[in-house]
Amino acid sequence: MFNGICFMIDGKMCVCASNNEMLCRVGPVYIEALEIHGIRGMIRNGRALKDYIFVSPELLNNNTNFNYWIDTALAFNKFARSSKKPKKKL
């Protein structure tokens, strides 16, 4: 679905690393993040998904920048809702 390796924390998607960018679930700060060059929103089935952003490699070029986006995703993870699990059939 996300075309990379996803890292789950407490059953919730936190970050997903792919060959050319990183998907981060950052919560409400995604609105401000979209104004940064090198950040784009996630579109699925023609609809923008809130809370998710793609971070370009240019913004991950050093430990400070990389850690900022990881820390932002981890901070939101505490408040994020997990996906509903399908009910088991008896």
C-alpha atoms as a PDB file:
ATOM      1  CA  MET A   1       0.000   0.000   0.000  1.00  0.00           C
ATOM      2  CA  PHE A   2       2.752   2.485   0.927  1.00  0.00           C
ATOM      3  CA  ASN A   3       5.395   1.071  -1.435  1.00  0.00           C
ATOM      4  CA  GLY A   4       8.146   0.707   1.140  1.00  0.00           C
ATOM      5  CA  ILE A   5       8.980  -0.545   4.603  1.00  0.00           C
ATOM      6  CA  CYS A   6       6.519   0.713   7.201  1.00  0.00           C
ATOM      7  CA  PHE A   7       7.313   1.047  10.865  1.00  0.00           C
ATOM      8  CA  MET A   8       4.409   0.508  13.220  1.00  0.00           C
ATOM      9  CA  ILE A   9       4.343   1.756  16.804  1.00  0.00           C
ATOM     10  CA  ASP A  10       1.573   0.473  19.098  1.00  0.00           C
ATOM     11  CA  GLY A  11      -0.280  -0.932  16.081  1.00  0.00           C
ATOM     12  CA  LYS A  12      -0.249   2.402  14.239  1.00  0.00           C
ATOM     13  CA  MET A  13       1.704   3.346  11.115  1.00  0.00           C
ATOM     14  CA  CYS A  14       4.370   5.890  12.087  1.00  0.00           C
ATOM     15  CA  VAL A  15       6.797   6.204   9.155  1.00  0.00           C
ATOM     16  CA  CYS A  16       7.306   4.404   5.885  1.00  0.00           C
ATOM     17  CA  ALA A  17      10.655   4.438   4.107  1.00  0.00           C
ATOM     18  CA  SER A  18      10.880   3.982   0.353  1.00  0.00           C
ATOM     19  CA  ASN A  19      13.583   4.436  -2.256  1.00  0.00           C
ATOM     20  CA  ASN A  20      12.927   8.086  -2.914  1.00  0.00           C
ATOM     21  CA  GLU A  21      11.071   9.622   0.034  1.00  0.00           C
ATOM     22  CA  MET A  22       9.703   8.980   3.510  1.00  0.00           C
ATOM     23  CA  LEU A  23       6.035   8.957   4.450  1.00  0.00           C
ATOM     24  CA  CYS A  24       5.433  10.355   7.937  1.00  0.00           C
ATOM     25  CA  ARG A  25       2.222  10.417   9.944  1.00  0.00           C
ATOM     26  CA  VAL A  26       2.655  13.761  11.670  1.00  0.00           C
ATOM     27  CA  GLY A  27      -0.862  14.785  12.643  1.00  0.00           C
ATOM     28  CA  PRO A  28      -2.130  18.365  12.535  1.00  0.00           C
ATOM     29  CA  VAL A  29       1.327  19.809  11.789  1.00  0.00           C
ATOM     30  CA  TYR A  30       0.918  18.466   8.254  1.00  0.00           C
ATOM     31  CA  ILE A  31      -0.866  21.710   7.357  1.00  0.00           C
ATOM     32  CA  GLU A  32       2.198  23.842   8.125  1.00  0.00           C
ATOM     33  CA  ALA A  33       4.539  21.202   6.722  1.00  0.00           C
ATOM     34  CA  LEU A  34       2.880  21.400   3.304  1.00  0.00           C
ATOM     35  CA  GLU A  35       4.265  24.932   2.940  1.00  0.00           C
ATOM     36  CA  ILE A  36       7.862  23.616   3.097  1.00  0.00           C
ATOM     37  CA  HIS A  37       9.571  22.988  -0.237  1.00  0.00           C
ATOM     38  CA  GLY A  38      10.166  19.231  -0.483  1.00  0.00           C
ATOM     39  CA  ILE A  39       7.019  18.203   1.412  1.00  0.00           C
ATOM     40  CA  ARG A  40       3.904  16.944  -0.312  1.00  0.00           C
ATOM     41  CA  GLY A  41       0.640  15.628   0.980  1.00  0.00           C
ATOM     42  CA  MET A  42      -0.634  12.111   0.561  1.00  0.00           C
ATOM     43  CA  ILE A  43      -3.386  11.619  -2.013  1.00  0.00           C
ATOM     44  CA  ARG A  44      -5.330   8.375  -2.076  1.00  0.00           C
ATOM     45  CA  ASN A  45      -8.158   7.664  -4.506  1.00  0.00           C
ATOM     46  CA  GLY A  46      -8.185  11.344  -5.453  1.00  0.00           C
ATOM     47  CA  ARG A  47      -8.618  12.462  -1.851  1.00  0.00           C
ATOM     48  CA  ALA A  48      -6.029  14.215   0.327  1.00  0.00           C
ATOM     49  CA  LEU A  49      -5.339  12.330   3.556  1.00  0.00           C
ATOM     50  CA  LYS A  50      -4.814  14.513   6.576  1.00  0.00           C
ATOM     51  CA  ASP A  51      -1.993  13.735   9.012  1.00  0.00           C
ATOM     52  CA  TYR A  52       0.291  12.199   6.331  1.00  0.00           C
ATOM     53  CA  ILE A  53       3.145  13.844   4.422  1.00  0.00           C
ATOM     54  CA  PHE A  54       5.881  12.710   2.080  1.00  0.00           C
ATOM     55  CA  VAL A  55       9.320  14.117   2.925  1.00  0.00           C
ATOM     56  CA  SER A  56      11.801  14.396   0.034  1.00  0.00           C
ATOM     57  CA  PRO A  57      15.394  13.132   0.325  1.00  0.00           C
ATOM     58  CA  GLU A  58      16.670  16.736   0.276  1.00  0.00           C
ATOM     59  CA  LEU A  59      15.003  17.274   3.655  1.00  0.00           C
ATOM     60  CA  LEU A  60      16.509  14.088   5.081  1.00  0.00           C
ATOM     61  CA  ASN A  61      20.099  14.873   4.153  1.00  0.00           C
ATOM     62  CA  ASN A  62      21.465  15.148   7.695  1.00  0.00           C
ATOM     63  CA  ASN A  63      20.754  13.650  11.123  1.00  0.00           C
ATOM     64  CA  THR A  64      19.147  16.828  12.476  1.00  0.00           C
ATOM     65  CA  ASN A  65      16.536  16.980   9.708  1.00  0.00           C
ATOM     66  CA  PHE A  66      15.973  13.232   9.678  1.00  0.00           C
ATOM     67  CA  ASN A  67      15.508  13.115  13.470  1.00  0.00           C
ATOM     68  CA  TYR A  68      13.097  16.067  13.353  1.00  0.00           C
ATOM     69  CA  TRP A  69      10.649  14.208  11.097  1.00  0.00           C
ATOM     70  CA  ILE A  70      11.020  10.928  12.979  1.00  0.00           C
ATOM     71  CA  ASP A  71      10.475  12.704  16.336  1.00  0.00           C
ATOM     72  CA  THR A  72       7.450  14.554  14.939  1.00  0.00           C
ATOM     73  CA  ALA A  73       5.896  11.280  13.758  1.00  0.00           C
ATOM     74  CA  LEU A  74       6.647   9.567  17.083  1.00  0.00           C
ATOM     75  CA  ALA A  75       5.101  12.456  19.032  1.00  0.00           C
ATOM     76  CA  PHE A  76       1.859  12.228  17.039  1.00  0.00           C
ATOM     77  CA  ASN A  77       1.783   8.444  17.329  1.00  0.00           C
ATOM     78  CA  LYS A  78       0.790   8.752  20.995  1.00  0.00           C
ATOM     79  CA  PHE A  79      -2.471  10.438  19.933  1.00  0.00           C
ATOM     80  CA  ALA A  80      -3.144   8.730  16.588  1.00  0.00           C
ATOM     81  CA  ARG A  81      -5.938   6.230  16.247  1.00  0.00           C
ATOM     82  CA  SER A  82      -5.133   2.748  15.079  1.00  0.00           C
ATOM     83  CA  SER A  83      -6.930   1.201  12.150  1.00  0.00           C
ATOM     84  CA  LYS A  84      -9.928  -0.913  12.947  1.00  0.00           C
ATOM     85  CA  LYS A  85      -9.128  -4.591  12.761  1.00  0.00           C
ATOM     86  CA  PRO A  86     -11.542  -6.821  10.861  1.00  0.00           C
ATOM     87  CA  LYS A  87     -13.833  -8.934  13.003  1.00  0.00           C
ATOM     88  CA  LYS A  88     -13.074 -12.626  13.056  1.00  0.00           C
ATOM     89  CA  LYS A  89     -15.733 -14.895  11.642  1.00  0.00           C
ATOM     90  CA  LEU A  90     -16.816 -17.725  13.874  1.00  0.00           C
END
